[in-house]
Amino acid sequence: MNPLPERLLVAREHAGLRADVYLALCLPFLARTRIRQKIQTGESLLNGRRYATSARLREGDEVTIEWRGPVDRTPAPRLDILFEDEWILAVDKPAGVASHPMGRIQSGTAIQFVRERDAAEIAAHLARGDAGFYPRLVNRLDVFTSGVVLVARTRHALRAMHELVAERRLEKSYVALVEGLIAEEEGRIDLAIGRDETSAVALKMAARADGLPSLTTYRVIRRLPRHTLVRAFPLTGRQHQIRVHFAAIGHPVWGDLLYKDEQLFLRYLDFVKGDGTLGGMLDADLPARHLLHAEEVSFVHPSTEAAVRISSPLPADFEEILQRLE
């Protein structure tokens, strides 16, 4: 049985807003694409009628939203702030928290935390007719990757940060614990990456000759009896790049079942809770997540031109596993 439609009454301070902006403000746990879909498919109505995403609202208007099933309203996690100014915010994302809504994870995300935290400021800008202040992700981390996530607080800041990324002027480093002993002290993995068309997992990537150029360099931090701790520097920004590259050279990130044994990964999914938090394990010897941490991001600030270096300490669960293995 589907829940009853949700009804929102437009208040005076929200009069004049675009409909999609208003819904994004009222429903911060939903992705903007999902909001637009609700409007375009007629699952959201304005005063009982279909409407455009660009429709301007008036005080007293009633917006209804139809839900196809139970609505996931997982509270946003409380995240540590690593850096903040008028342009940019950086948060420390733990493993098990999604960066943004995706698939079955629609709430409890890092971007939801930022938007709820900045809700009053977003509303104040909107009341002045400024729709440009709305936090958006600059980079995304996989659910089980921890570390620095950058958020642009305005549309102008997002464009500027994307320019830095495109020009390779935003540098990132990761710490990864990989399987096996890497012989060299440092190395370079230059393998193109594209979709793995043989996989049953839609998001799985693979090293393939006809993929996009992808380059990762790395340095060994230390060697353990059966694992190697490395610092990796992705010089391009492909999906799952570090995970794909190390798996391709025979040293998958430890705990990364997708790039080690896809069938085991699919079985493991049954043990992961629907909200994306860490679940039970098929094998007690495996870590509860893949051991990859976005340690540092550095760039020249697009507004102040100051050098910015944002770091996230290695999480406690990662440290504990290193101590156990040693």
C-alpha atoms as a PDB file:
ATOM      1  CA  MET A   1       0.000   0.000   0.000  1.00  0.00           C
ATOM      2  CA  ASN A   2       1.480   3.326  -1.085  1.00  0.00           C
ATOM      3  CA  PRO A   3       1.538   6.212   1.387  1.00  0.00           C
ATOM      4  CA  LEU A   4      -0.800   9.148   0.864  1.00  0.00           C
ATOM      5  CA  PRO A   5       0.517  12.046  -1.250  1.00  0.00           C
ATOM      6  CA  GLU A   6       2.570  14.572   0.689  1.00  0.00           C
ATOM      7  CA  ARG A   7       1.166  18.111   0.672  1.00  0.00           C
ATOM      8  CA  LEU A   8       3.291  21.235   0.903  1.00  0.00           C
ATOM      9  CA  LEU A   9       1.790  24.705   1.308  1.00  0.00           C
ATOM     10  CA  VAL A  10       3.936  27.499  -0.159  1.00  0.00           C
ATOM     11  CA  ALA A  11       4.744  30.113   2.479  1.00  0.00           C
ATOM     12  CA  ARG A  12       5.238  33.828   1.816  1.00  0.00           C
ATOM     13  CA  GLU A  13       9.050  33.577   1.991  1.00  0.00           C
ATOM     14  CA  HIS A  14       9.030  30.963  -0.768  1.00  0.00           C
ATOM     15  CA  ALA A  15       6.755  32.849  -3.162  1.00  0.00           C
ATOM     16  CA  GLY A  16       8.437  33.453  -6.517  1.00  0.00           C
ATOM     17  CA  LEU A  17      10.718  30.419  -6.335  1.00  0.00           C
ATOM     18  CA  ARG A  18      11.007  27.955  -9.198  1.00  0.00           C
ATOM     19  CA  ALA A  19       9.091  24.790  -8.380  1.00  0.00           C
ATOM     20  CA  ASP A  20      12.122  22.488  -8.617  1.00  0.00           C
ATOM     21  CA  VAL A  21      14.176  24.783  -6.354  1.00  0.00           C
ATOM     22  CA  TYR A  22      11.344  24.868  -3.810  1.00  0.00           C
ATOM     23  CA  LEU A  23      11.076  21.068  -3.718  1.00  0.00           C
ATOM     24  CA  ALA A  24      14.856  20.711  -3.389  1.00  0.00           C
ATOM     25  CA  LEU A  25      14.668  23.004  -0.364  1.00  0.00           C
ATOM     26  CA  CYS A  26      11.777  21.065   1.202  1.00  0.00           C
ATOM     27  CA  LEU A  27      13.093  17.591   0.357  1.00  0.00           C
ATOM     28  CA  PRO A  28      16.901  17.767   0.811  1.00  0.00           C
ATOM     29  CA  PHE A  29      17.163  13.952   0.902  1.00  0.00           C
ATOM     30  CA  LEU A  30      16.089  13.712  -2.772  1.00  0.00           C
ATOM     31  CA  ALA A  31      18.457  14.190  -5.700  1.00  0.00           C
ATOM     32  CA  ARG A  32      17.620  17.080  -8.044  1.00  0.00           C
ATOM     33  CA  THR A  33      17.139  14.581 -10.900  1.00  0.00           C
ATOM     34  CA  ARG A  34      14.542  12.675  -8.842  1.00  0.00           C
ATOM     35  CA  ILE A  35      12.736  15.939  -8.093  1.00  0.00           C
ATOM     36  CA  ARG A  36      12.592  16.830 -11.792  1.00  0.00           C
ATOM     37  CA  GLN A  37      11.314  13.323 -12.566  1.00  0.00           C
ATOM     38  CA  LYS A  38       8.532  13.714 -10.007  1.00  0.00           C
ATOM     39  CA  ILE A  39       7.384  16.920 -11.739  1.00  0.00           C
ATOM     40  CA  GLN A  40       7.789  15.670 -15.323  1.00  0.00           C
ATOM     41  CA  THR A  41       5.922  12.388 -14.712  1.00  0.00           C
ATOM     42  CA  GLY A  42       3.004  14.038 -12.907  1.00  0.00           C
ATOM     43  CA  GLU A  43       3.888  12.460  -9.564  1.00  0.00           C
ATOM     44  CA  SER A  44       3.988  16.011  -8.259  1.00  0.00           C
ATOM     45  CA  LEU A  45       1.102  18.382  -8.924  1.00  0.00           C
ATOM     46  CA  LEU A  46       0.649  22.107  -8.387  1.00  0.00           C
ATOM     47  CA  ASN A  47      -2.858  22.975  -7.187  1.00  0.00           C
ATOM     48  CA  GLY A  48      -4.027  19.643  -8.582  1.00  0.00           C
ATOM     49  CA  ARG A  49      -2.523  20.137 -12.044  1.00  0.00           C
ATOM     50  CA  ARG A  50       0.669  19.152 -13.836  1.00  0.00           C
ATOM     51  CA  TYR A  51       3.285  21.876 -14.054  1.00  0.00           C
ATOM     52  CA  ALA A  52       6.755  22.673 -15.380  1.00  0.00           C
ATOM     53  CA  THR A  53       9.951  22.515 -13.310  1.00  0.00           C
ATOM     54  CA  SER A  54      10.411  26.237 -14.056  1.00  0.00           C
ATOM     55  CA  ALA A  55       6.938  27.239 -12.778  1.00  0.00           C
ATOM     56  CA  ARG A  56       7.054  30.144 -10.318  1.00  0.00           C
ATOM     57  CA  LEU A  57       5.175  29.548  -7.087  1.00  0.00           C
ATOM     58  CA  ARG A  58       2.817  31.894  -5.267  1.00  0.00           C
ATOM     59  CA  GLU A  59       1.999  32.152  -1.590  1.00  0.00           C
ATOM     60  CA  GLY A  60      -0.736  29.657  -0.727  1.00  0.00           C
ATOM     61  CA  ASP A  61      -0.047  27.298  -3.646  1.00  0.00           C
ATOM     62  CA  GLU A  62      -0.330  23.606  -2.782  1.00  0.00           C
ATOM     63  CA  VAL A  63       2.288  21.205  -4.108  1.00  0.00           C
ATOM     64  CA  THR A  64       1.581  17.483  -3.750  1.00  0.00           C
ATOM     65  CA  ILE A  65       4.101  14.671  -4.132  1.00  0.00           C
ATOM     66  CA  GLU A  66       3.096  11.079  -4.750  1.00  0.00           C
ATOM     67  CA  TRP A  67       5.315   8.348  -3.323  1.00  0.00           C
ATOM     68  CA  ARG A  68       5.385   4.890  -4.892  1.00  0.00           C
ATOM     69  CA  GLY A  69       6.342   3.214  -1.642  1.00  0.00           C
ATOM     70  CA  PRO A  70       7.682   3.949   1.838  1.00  0.00           C
ATOM     71  CA  VAL A  71       9.810   7.084   1.801  1.00  0.00           C
ATOM     72  CA  ASP A  72      13.382   6.708   3.018  1.00  0.00           C
ATOM     73  CA  ARG A  73      13.982   9.667   5.333  1.00  0.00           C
ATOM     74  CA  THR A  74      17.177   8.478   6.989  1.00  0.00           C
ATOM     75  CA  PRO A  75      18.600  11.460   8.899  1.00  0.00           C
ATOM     76  CA  ALA A  76      21.704  13.040   7.464  1.00  0.00           C
ATOM     77  CA  PRO A  77      24.841  11.841   9.278  1.00  0.00           C
ATOM     78  CA  ARG A  78      26.794  14.381  11.288  1.00  0.00           C
ATOM     79  CA  LEU A  79      30.101  14.849   9.481  1.00  0.00           C
ATOM     80  CA  ASP A  80      33.281  16.632  10.502  1.00  0.00           C
ATOM     81  CA  ILE A  81      34.014  19.859   8.604  1.00  0.00           C
ATOM     82  CA  LEU A  82      37.601  19.918   7.321  1.00  0.00           C
ATOM     83  CA  PHE A  83      37.506  23.287   5.534  1.00  0.00           C
ATOM     84  CA  GLU A  84      34.979  26.053   4.971  1.00  0.00           C
ATOM     85  CA  ASP A  85      34.754  29.463   3.382  1.00  0.00           C
ATOM     86  CA  GLU A  86      32.171  31.314   1.271  1.00  0.00           C
ATOM     87  CA  TRP A  87      33.076  29.261  -1.801  1.00  0.00           C
ATOM     88  CA  ILE A  88      33.973  25.773  -0.697  1.00  0.00           C
ATOM     89  CA  LEU A  89      33.183  23.272   2.041  1.00  0.00           C
ATOM     90  CA  ALA A  90      35.050  20.024   2.678  1.00  0.00           C
ATOM     91  CA  VAL A  91      33.644  17.217   4.821  1.00  0.00           C
ATOM     92  CA  ASP A  92      35.199  14.032   6.180  1.00  0.00           C
ATOM     93  CA  LYS A  93      33.029  11.205   4.841  1.00  0.00           C
ATOM     94  CA  PRO A  94      33.160   7.907   6.749  1.00  0.00           C
ATOM     95  CA  ALA A  95      32.903   4.529   5.045  1.00  0.00           C
ATOM     96  CA  GLY A  96      29.284   3.394   4.753  1.00  0.00           C
ATOM     97  CA  VAL A  97      27.892   6.852   3.954  1.00  0.00           C
ATOM     98  CA  ALA A  98      26.991   7.653   0.343  1.00  0.00           C
ATOM     99  CA  SER A  99      28.245  10.915  -1.131  1.00  0.00           C
ATOM    100  CA  HIS A 100      24.914  11.547  -2.880  1.00  0.00           C
ATOM    101  CA  PRO A 101      21.575   9.802  -3.517  1.00  0.00           C
ATOM    102  CA  MET A 102      21.874   6.799  -5.827  1.00  0.00           C
ATOM    103  CA  GLY A 103      19.927   3.604  -6.445  1.00  0.00           C
ATOM    104  CA  ARG A 104      18.423   2.288  -3.256  1.00  0.00           C
ATOM    105  CA  ILE A 105      20.269   4.872  -1.151  1.00  0.00           C
ATOM    106  CA  GLN A 106      18.232   8.075  -1.334  1.00  0.00           C
ATOM    107  CA  SER A 107      18.850   9.651   2.051  1.00  0.00           C
ATOM    108  CA  GLY A 108      21.425   9.760   4.819  1.00  0.00           C
ATOM    109  CA  THR A 109      24.014  11.123   2.368  1.00  0.00           C
ATOM    110  CA  ALA A 110      26.936  13.523   2.710  1.00  0.00           C
ATOM    111  CA  ILE A 111      25.357  16.144   0.451  1.00  0.00           C
ATOM    112  CA  GLN A 112      22.129  15.918   2.461  1.00  0.00           C
ATOM    113  CA  PHE A 113      24.120  16.785   5.598  1.00  0.00           C
ATOM    114  CA  VAL A 114      25.579  19.870   3.908  1.00  0.00           C
ATOM    115  CA  ARG A 115      22.251  21.078   2.514  1.00  0.00           C
ATOM    116  CA  GLU A 116      20.428  20.598   5.811  1.00  0.00           C
ATOM    117  CA  ARG A 117      23.272  22.318   7.642  1.00  0.00           C
ATOM    118  CA  ASP A 118      23.083  25.275   5.217  1.00  0.00           C
ATOM    119  CA  ALA A 119      19.272  25.271   4.945  1.00  0.00           C
ATOM    120  CA  ALA A 120      18.822  28.654   6.624  1.00  0.00           C
ATOM    121  CA  GLU A 121      21.456  30.284   4.388  1.00  0.00           C
ATOM    122  CA  ILE A 122      19.977  28.667   1.270  1.00  0.00           C
ATOM    123  CA  ALA A 123      16.528  29.964   2.241  1.00  0.00           C
ATOM    124  CA  ALA A 124      17.897  33.468   2.917  1.00  0.00           C
ATOM    125  CA  HIS A 125      19.519  33.618  -0.529  1.00  0.00           C
ATOM    126  CA  LEU A 126      16.350  32.336  -2.176  1.00  0.00           C
ATOM    127  CA  ALA A 127      14.276  34.968  -0.373  1.00  0.00           C
ATOM    128  CA  ARG A 128      16.518  37.611  -2.000  1.00  0.00           C
ATOM    129  CA  GLY A 129      15.964  36.027  -5.402  1.00  0.00           C
ATOM    130  CA  ASP A 130      19.435  34.437  -5.506  1.00  0.00           C
ATOM    131  CA  ALA A 131      19.183  30.789  -6.580  1.00  0.00           C
ATOM    132  CA  GLY A 132      22.946  30.508  -7.110  1.00  0.00           C
ATOM    133  CA  PHE A 133      23.691  29.513  -3.518  1.00  0.00           C
ATOM    134  CA  TYR A 134      23.059  25.790  -3.422  1.00  0.00           C
ATOM    135  CA  PRO A 135      25.739  23.287  -2.314  1.00  0.00           C
ATOM    136  CA  ARG A 136      26.798  20.746  -4.941  1.00  0.00           C
ATOM    137  CA  LEU A 137      29.465  18.049  -4.940  1.00  0.00           C
ATOM    138  CA  VAL A 138      32.809  18.694  -6.609  1.00  0.00           C
ATOM    139  CA  ASN A 139      34.023  15.107  -6.146  1.00  0.00           C
ATOM    140  CA  ARG A 140      32.311  11.873  -5.143  1.00  0.00           C
ATOM    141  CA  LEU A 141      33.605   8.923  -3.182  1.00  0.00           C
ATOM    142  CA  ASP A 142      32.249   5.384  -3.330  1.00  0.00           C
ATOM    143  CA  VAL A 143      30.043   4.398  -0.386  1.00  0.00           C
ATOM    144  CA  PHE A 144      32.791   2.335   1.265  1.00  0.00           C
ATOM    145  CA  THR A 145      35.641   4.777   0.525  1.00  0.00           C
ATOM    146  CA  SER A 146      36.317   7.249   3.334  1.00  0.00           C
ATOM    147  CA  GLY A 147      37.899  10.692   3.272  1.00  0.00           C
ATOM    148  CA  VAL A 148      37.723  14.193   1.820  1.00  0.00           C
ATOM    149  CA  VAL A 149      34.622  15.213  -0.113  1.00  0.00           C
ATOM    150  CA  LEU A 150      34.600  18.708  -1.632  1.00  0.00           C
ATOM    151  CA  VAL A 151      31.421  20.741  -1.961  1.00  0.00           C
ATOM    152  CA  ALA A 152      31.003  23.944  -3.974  1.00  0.00           C
ATOM    153  CA  ARG A 153      28.601  26.231  -2.167  1.00  0.00           C
ATOM    154  CA  THR A 154      27.570  28.292  -5.208  1.00  0.00           C
ATOM    155  CA  ARG A 155      27.025  27.693  -8.920  1.00  0.00           C
ATOM    156  CA  HIS A 156      29.984  29.987  -9.698  1.00  0.00           C
ATOM    157  CA  ALA A 157      32.252  28.063  -7.308  1.00  0.00           C
ATOM    158  CA  LEU A 158      31.217  24.760  -8.908  1.00  0.00           C
ATOM    159  CA  ARG A 159      32.203  25.990 -12.375  1.00  0.00           C
ATOM    160  CA  ALA A 160      35.555  27.228 -11.063  1.00  0.00           C
ATOM    161  CA  MET A 161      36.308  23.950  -9.270  1.00  0.00           C
ATOM    162  CA  HIS A 162      35.341  21.916 -12.338  1.00  0.00           C
ATOM    163  CA  GLU A 163      37.818  24.003 -14.348  1.00  0.00           C
ATOM    164  CA  LEU A 164      40.553  23.083 -11.863  1.00  0.00           C
ATOM    165  CA  VAL A 165      39.653  19.403 -12.245  1.00  0.00           C
ATOM    166  CA  ALA A 166      39.606  19.608 -16.060  1.00  0.00           C
ATOM    167  CA  GLU A 167      43.005  21.319 -16.082  1.00  0.00           C
ATOM    168  CA  ARG A 168      44.440  18.799 -13.564  1.00  0.00           C
ATOM    169  CA  ARG A 169      45.164  21.554 -11.065  1.00  0.00           C
ATOM    170  CA  LEU A 170      43.281  19.790  -8.266  1.00  0.00           C
ATOM    171  CA  GLU A 171      45.604  17.158  -6.807  1.00  0.00           C
ATOM    172  CA  LYS A 172      44.394  14.172  -4.777  1.00  0.00           C
ATOM    173  CA  SER A 173      46.118  11.459  -2.789  1.00  0.00           C
ATOM    174  CA  TYR A 174      44.662   8.248  -1.381  1.00  0.00           C
ATOM    175  CA  VAL A 175      45.900   5.651   1.071  1.00  0.00           C
ATOM    176  CA  ALA A 176      45.136   2.077   0.052  1.00  0.00           C
ATOM    177  CA  LEU A 177      45.900  -1.296   1.577  1.00  0.00           C
ATOM    178  CA  VAL A 178      46.313  -3.723  -1.313  1.00  0.00           C
ATOM    179  CA  GLU A 179      46.694  -7.477  -1.397  1.00  0.00           C
ATOM    180  CA  GLY A 180      50.138  -9.002  -1.876  1.00  0.00           C
ATOM    181  CA  LEU A 181      53.603  -7.489  -1.728  1.00  0.00           C
ATOM    182  CA  ILE A 182      54.475  -4.857  -4.338  1.00  0.00           C
ATOM    183  CA  ALA A 183      58.157  -5.216  -5.180  1.00  0.00           C
ATOM    184  CA  GLU A 184      58.872  -1.662  -6.371  1.00  0.00           C
ATOM    185  CA  GLU A 185      59.080   1.334  -4.048  1.00  0.00           C
ATOM    186  CA  GLU A 186      57.065   3.414  -6.486  1.00  0.00           C
ATOM    187  CA  GLY A 187      55.250   2.852  -9.739  1.00  0.00           C
ATOM    188  CA  ARG A 188      53.009   4.085 -12.505  1.00  0.00           C
ATOM    189  CA  ILE A 189      49.828   2.422 -13.784  1.00  0.00           C
ATOM    190  CA  ASP A 190      48.919   3.676 -17.245  1.00  0.00           C
ATOM    191  CA  LEU A 191      45.848   1.673 -18.313  1.00  0.00           C
ATOM    192  CA  ALA A 192      42.743   2.975 -20.076  1.00  0.00           C
ATOM    193  CA  ILE A 193      39.449   2.407 -18.241  1.00  0.00           C
ATOM    194  CA  GLY A 194      35.965   1.753 -19.593  1.00  0.00           C
ATOM    195  CA  ARG A 195      32.755  -0.079 -18.708  1.00  0.00           C
ATOM    196  CA  ASP A 196      33.091  -3.786 -17.995  1.00  0.00           C
ATOM    197  CA  GLU A 197      30.562  -5.019 -20.531  1.00  0.00           C
ATOM    198  CA  THR A 198      30.903  -8.624 -19.325  1.00  0.00           C
ATOM    199  CA  SER A 199      29.832  -7.758 -15.768  1.00  0.00           C
ATOM    200  CA  ALA A 200      26.422  -8.183 -14.193  1.00  0.00           C
ATOM    201  CA  VAL A 201      27.180  -5.070 -12.105  1.00  0.00           C
ATOM    202  CA  ALA A 202      26.219  -1.951 -14.063  1.00  0.00           C
ATOM    203  CA  LEU A 203      28.777   0.323 -12.394  1.00  0.00           C
ATOM    204  CA  LYS A 204      31.752  -2.009 -12.738  1.00  0.00           C
ATOM    205  CA  MET A 205      34.685  -0.670 -14.746  1.00  0.00           C
ATOM    206  CA  ALA A 206      37.616  -2.477 -16.345  1.00  0.00           C
ATOM    207  CA  ALA A 207      41.057  -1.817 -17.787  1.00  0.00           C
ATOM    208  CA  ARG A 208      40.457  -1.999 -21.535  1.00  0.00           C
ATOM    209  CA  ALA A 209      42.376  -0.742 -24.553  1.00  0.00           C
ATOM    210  CA  ASP A 210      39.421   1.204 -25.954  1.00  0.00           C
ATOM    211  CA  GLY A 211      38.667   2.956 -22.647  1.00  0.00           C
ATOM    212  CA  LEU A 212      39.484   6.483 -21.539  1.00  0.00           C
ATOM    213  CA  PRO A 213      43.153   7.317 -20.783  1.00  0.00           C
ATOM    214  CA  SER A 214      43.797   6.774 -17.065  1.00  0.00           C
ATOM    215  CA  LEU A 215      46.965   7.262 -15.067  1.00  0.00           C
ATOM    216  CA  THR A 216      47.770   6.499 -11.425  1.00  0.00           C
ATOM    217  CA  THR A 217      51.139   6.817  -9.718  1.00  0.00           C
ATOM    218  CA  TYR A 218      51.918   5.360  -6.299  1.00  0.00           C
ATOM    219  CA  ARG A 219      54.525   5.060  -3.556  1.00  0.00           C
ATOM    220  CA  VAL A 220      54.856   2.252  -1.043  1.00  0.00           C
ATOM    221  CA  ILE A 221      54.362   3.438   2.534  1.00  0.00           C
ATOM    222  CA  ARG A 222      55.152   0.095   4.181  1.00  0.00           C
ATOM    223  CA  ARG A 223      54.886  -3.625   3.647  1.00  0.00           C
ATOM    224  CA  LEU A 224      53.010  -6.003   5.912  1.00  0.00           C
ATOM    225  CA  PRO A 225      53.285  -9.818   5.868  1.00  0.00           C
ATOM    226  CA  ARG A 226      50.721 -10.276   3.068  1.00  0.00           C
ATOM    227  CA  HIS A 227      49.673  -6.731   2.152  1.00  0.00           C
ATOM    228  CA  THR A 228      51.186  -3.445   0.998  1.00  0.00           C
ATOM    229  CA  LEU A 229      50.154   0.000   2.216  1.00  0.00           C
ATOM    230  CA  VAL A 230      50.478   2.523  -0.613  1.00  0.00           C
ATOM    231  CA  ARG A 231      49.822   6.180  -1.248  1.00  0.00           C
ATOM    232  CA  ALA A 232      48.164   6.553  -4.651  1.00  0.00           C
ATOM    233  CA  PHE A 233      47.868   9.651  -6.811  1.00  0.00           C
ATOM    234  CA  PRO A 234      45.154   9.505  -9.497  1.00  0.00           C
ATOM    235  CA  LEU A 235      46.260  11.916 -12.232  1.00  0.00           C
ATOM    236  CA  THR A 236      42.968  11.365 -14.052  1.00  0.00           C
ATOM    237  CA  GLY A 237      39.536  11.051 -12.486  1.00  0.00           C
ATOM    238  CA  ARG A 238      37.909   7.907 -13.835  1.00  0.00           C
ATOM    239  CA  GLN A 239      35.226   6.024 -11.931  1.00  0.00           C
ATOM    240  CA  HIS A 240      36.775   3.464  -9.531  1.00  0.00           C
ATOM    241  CA  GLN A 241      40.190   4.359 -10.990  1.00  0.00           C
ATOM    242  CA  ILE A 242      42.421   3.287  -8.092  1.00  0.00           C
ATOM    243  CA  ARG A 243      40.384   0.137  -7.483  1.00  0.00           C
ATOM    244  CA  VAL A 244      40.511  -0.853 -11.171  1.00  0.00           C
ATOM    245  CA  HIS A 245      44.197  -0.061 -11.601  1.00  0.00           C
ATOM    246  CA  PHE A 246      45.482  -2.007  -8.602  1.00  0.00           C
ATOM    247  CA  ALA A 247      43.257  -4.971  -9.416  1.00  0.00           C
ATOM    248  CA  ALA A 248      44.627  -4.908 -12.975  1.00  0.00           C
ATOM    249  CA  ILE A 249      48.227  -5.290 -11.757  1.00  0.00           C
ATOM    250  CA  GLY A 250      47.292  -8.158  -9.443  1.00  0.00           C
ATOM    251  CA  HIS A 251      47.040  -6.201  -6.192  1.00  0.00           C
ATOM    252  CA  PRO A 252      43.335  -5.441  -5.553  1.00  0.00           C
ATOM    253  CA  VAL A 253      42.420  -3.139  -2.687  1.00  0.00           C
ATOM    254  CA  TRP A 254      41.813  -5.413   0.278  1.00  0.00           C
ATOM    255  CA  GLY A 255      38.108  -5.893   0.946  1.00  0.00           C
ATOM    256  CA  ASP A 256      37.150  -4.795  -2.588  1.00  0.00           C
ATOM    257  CA  LEU A 257      35.132  -7.827  -3.633  1.00  0.00           C
ATOM    258  CA  LEU A 258      33.824  -6.215  -6.834  1.00  0.00           C
ATOM    259  CA  TYR A 259      37.291  -6.179  -8.400  1.00  0.00           C
ATOM    260  CA  LYS A 260      38.454  -9.441  -6.858  1.00  0.00           C
ATOM    261  CA  ASP A 261      35.486 -11.834  -7.090  1.00  0.00           C
ATOM    262  CA  GLU A 262      32.290 -10.468  -8.615  1.00  0.00           C
ATOM    263  CA  GLN A 263      30.163 -13.446  -7.567  1.00  0.00           C
ATOM    264  CA  LEU A 264      31.283 -13.053  -3.972  1.00  0.00           C
ATOM    265  CA  PHE A 265      30.466  -9.343  -4.262  1.00  0.00           C
ATOM    266  CA  LEU A 266      26.915 -10.120  -5.422  1.00  0.00           C
ATOM    267  CA  ARG A 267      26.430 -12.492  -2.492  1.00  0.00           C
ATOM    268  CA  TYR A 268      27.855  -9.868  -0.145  1.00  0.00           C
ATOM    269  CA  LEU A 269      25.233  -7.336  -1.259  1.00  0.00           C
ATOM    270  CA  ASP A 270      22.629  -9.394   0.592  1.00  0.00           C
ATOM    271  CA  PHE A 271      24.501  -8.598   3.808  1.00  0.00           C
ATOM    272  CA  VAL A 272      24.579  -4.836   3.258  1.00  0.00           C
ATOM    273  CA  LYS A 273      21.742  -2.865   4.773  1.00  0.00           C
ATOM    274  CA  GLY A 274      19.445  -0.972   2.419  1.00  0.00           C
ATOM    275  CA  ASP A 275      20.652   2.419   3.622  1.00  0.00           C
ATOM    276  CA  GLY A 276      24.232   1.595   2.632  1.00  0.00           C
ATOM    277  CA  THR A 277      25.672   1.285   6.132  1.00  0.00           C
ATOM    278  CA  LEU A 278      28.216  -1.420   6.830  1.00  0.00           C
ATOM    279  CA  GLY A 279      26.637  -4.841   6.990  1.00  0.00           C
ATOM    280  CA  GLY A 280      27.597  -8.358   8.004  1.00  0.00           C
ATOM    281  CA  MET A 281      30.405 -10.210   6.277  1.00  0.00           C
ATOM    282  CA  LEU A 282      30.502 -13.500   4.415  1.00  0.00           C
ATOM    283  CA  ASP A 283      34.006 -14.093   5.753  1.00  0.00           C
ATOM    284  CA  ALA A 284      35.028 -12.945   9.240  1.00  0.00           C
ATOM    285  CA  ASP A 285      38.616 -12.450   8.003  1.00  0.00           C
ATOM    286  CA  LEU A 286      37.569  -9.762   5.527  1.00  0.00           C
ATOM    287  CA  PRO A 287      37.332  -6.086   6.502  1.00  0.00           C
ATOM    288  CA  ALA A 288      33.845  -4.569   6.639  1.00  0.00           C
ATOM    289  CA  ARG A 289      34.727  -2.339   3.660  1.00  0.00           C
ATOM    290  CA  HIS A 290      37.432  -1.911   1.052  1.00  0.00           C
ATOM    291  CA  LEU A 291      40.468  -0.209   2.557  1.00  0.00           C
ATOM    292  CA  LEU A 292      40.705   2.945   0.478  1.00  0.00           C
ATOM    293  CA  HIS A 293      40.861   6.418   2.018  1.00  0.00           C
ATOM    294  CA  ALA A 294      40.848   9.813   0.264  1.00  0.00           C
ATOM    295  CA  GLU A 295      43.589  11.342   2.372  1.00  0.00           C
ATOM    296  CA  GLU A 296      44.275  14.755   0.866  1.00  0.00           C
ATOM    297  CA  VAL A 297      43.144  17.312  -1.711  1.00  0.00           C
ATOM    298  CA  SER A 298      45.212  20.359  -2.685  1.00  0.00           C
ATOM    299  CA  PHE A 299      44.586  23.222  -5.113  1.00  0.00           C
ATOM    300  CA  VAL A 300      44.983  26.957  -5.598  1.00  0.00           C
ATOM    301  CA  HIS A 301      41.783  28.624  -4.407  1.00  0.00           C
ATOM    302  CA  PRO A 302      39.920  29.995  -7.470  1.00  0.00           C
ATOM    303  CA  SER A 303      38.954  33.195  -5.627  1.00  0.00           C
ATOM    304  CA  THR A 304      41.725  34.019  -3.123  1.00  0.00           C
ATOM    305  CA  GLU A 305      44.546  32.307  -5.098  1.00  0.00           C
ATOM    306  CA  ALA A 306      45.832  30.922  -1.800  1.00  0.00           C
ATOM    307  CA  ALA A 307      47.253  27.397  -1.688  1.00  0.00           C
ATOM    308  CA  VAL A 308      44.709  25.104  -0.025  1.00  0.00           C
ATOM    309  CA  ARG A 309      45.562  21.687   1.380  1.00  0.00           C
ATOM    310  CA  ILE A 310      42.765  19.672   2.995  1.00  0.00           C
ATOM    311  CA  SER A 311      43.592  16.455   4.841  1.00  0.00           C
ATOM    312  CA  SER A 312      41.594  13.682   6.464  1.00  0.00           C
ATOM    313  CA  PRO A 313      43.288  11.478   9.096  1.00  0.00           C
ATOM    314  CA  LEU A 314      43.256   7.737   8.573  1.00  0.00           C
ATOM    315  CA  PRO A 315      39.999   6.462  10.158  1.00  0.00           C
ATOM    316  CA  ALA A 316      40.042   4.340  13.290  1.00  0.00           C
ATOM    317  CA  ASP A 317      38.758   1.214  11.513  1.00  0.00           C
ATOM    318  CA  PHE A 318      41.599   1.438   8.969  1.00  0.00           C
ATOM    319  CA  GLU A 319      44.207   1.951  11.723  1.00  0.00           C
ATOM    320  CA  GLU A 320      42.846  -0.984  13.724  1.00  0.00           C
ATOM    321  CA  ILE A 321      43.130  -3.323  10.739  1.00  0.00           C
ATOM    322  CA  LEU A 322      46.710  -2.212  10.097  1.00  0.00           C
ATOM    323  CA  GLN A 323      47.631  -2.899  13.713  1.00  0.00           C
ATOM    324  CA  ARG A 324      45.983  -6.323  13.585  1.00  0.00           C
ATOM    325  CA  LEU A 325      47.788  -7.289  10.377  1.00  0.00           C
ATOM    326  CA  GLU A 326      51.149  -6.164  11.753  1.00  0.00           C
END
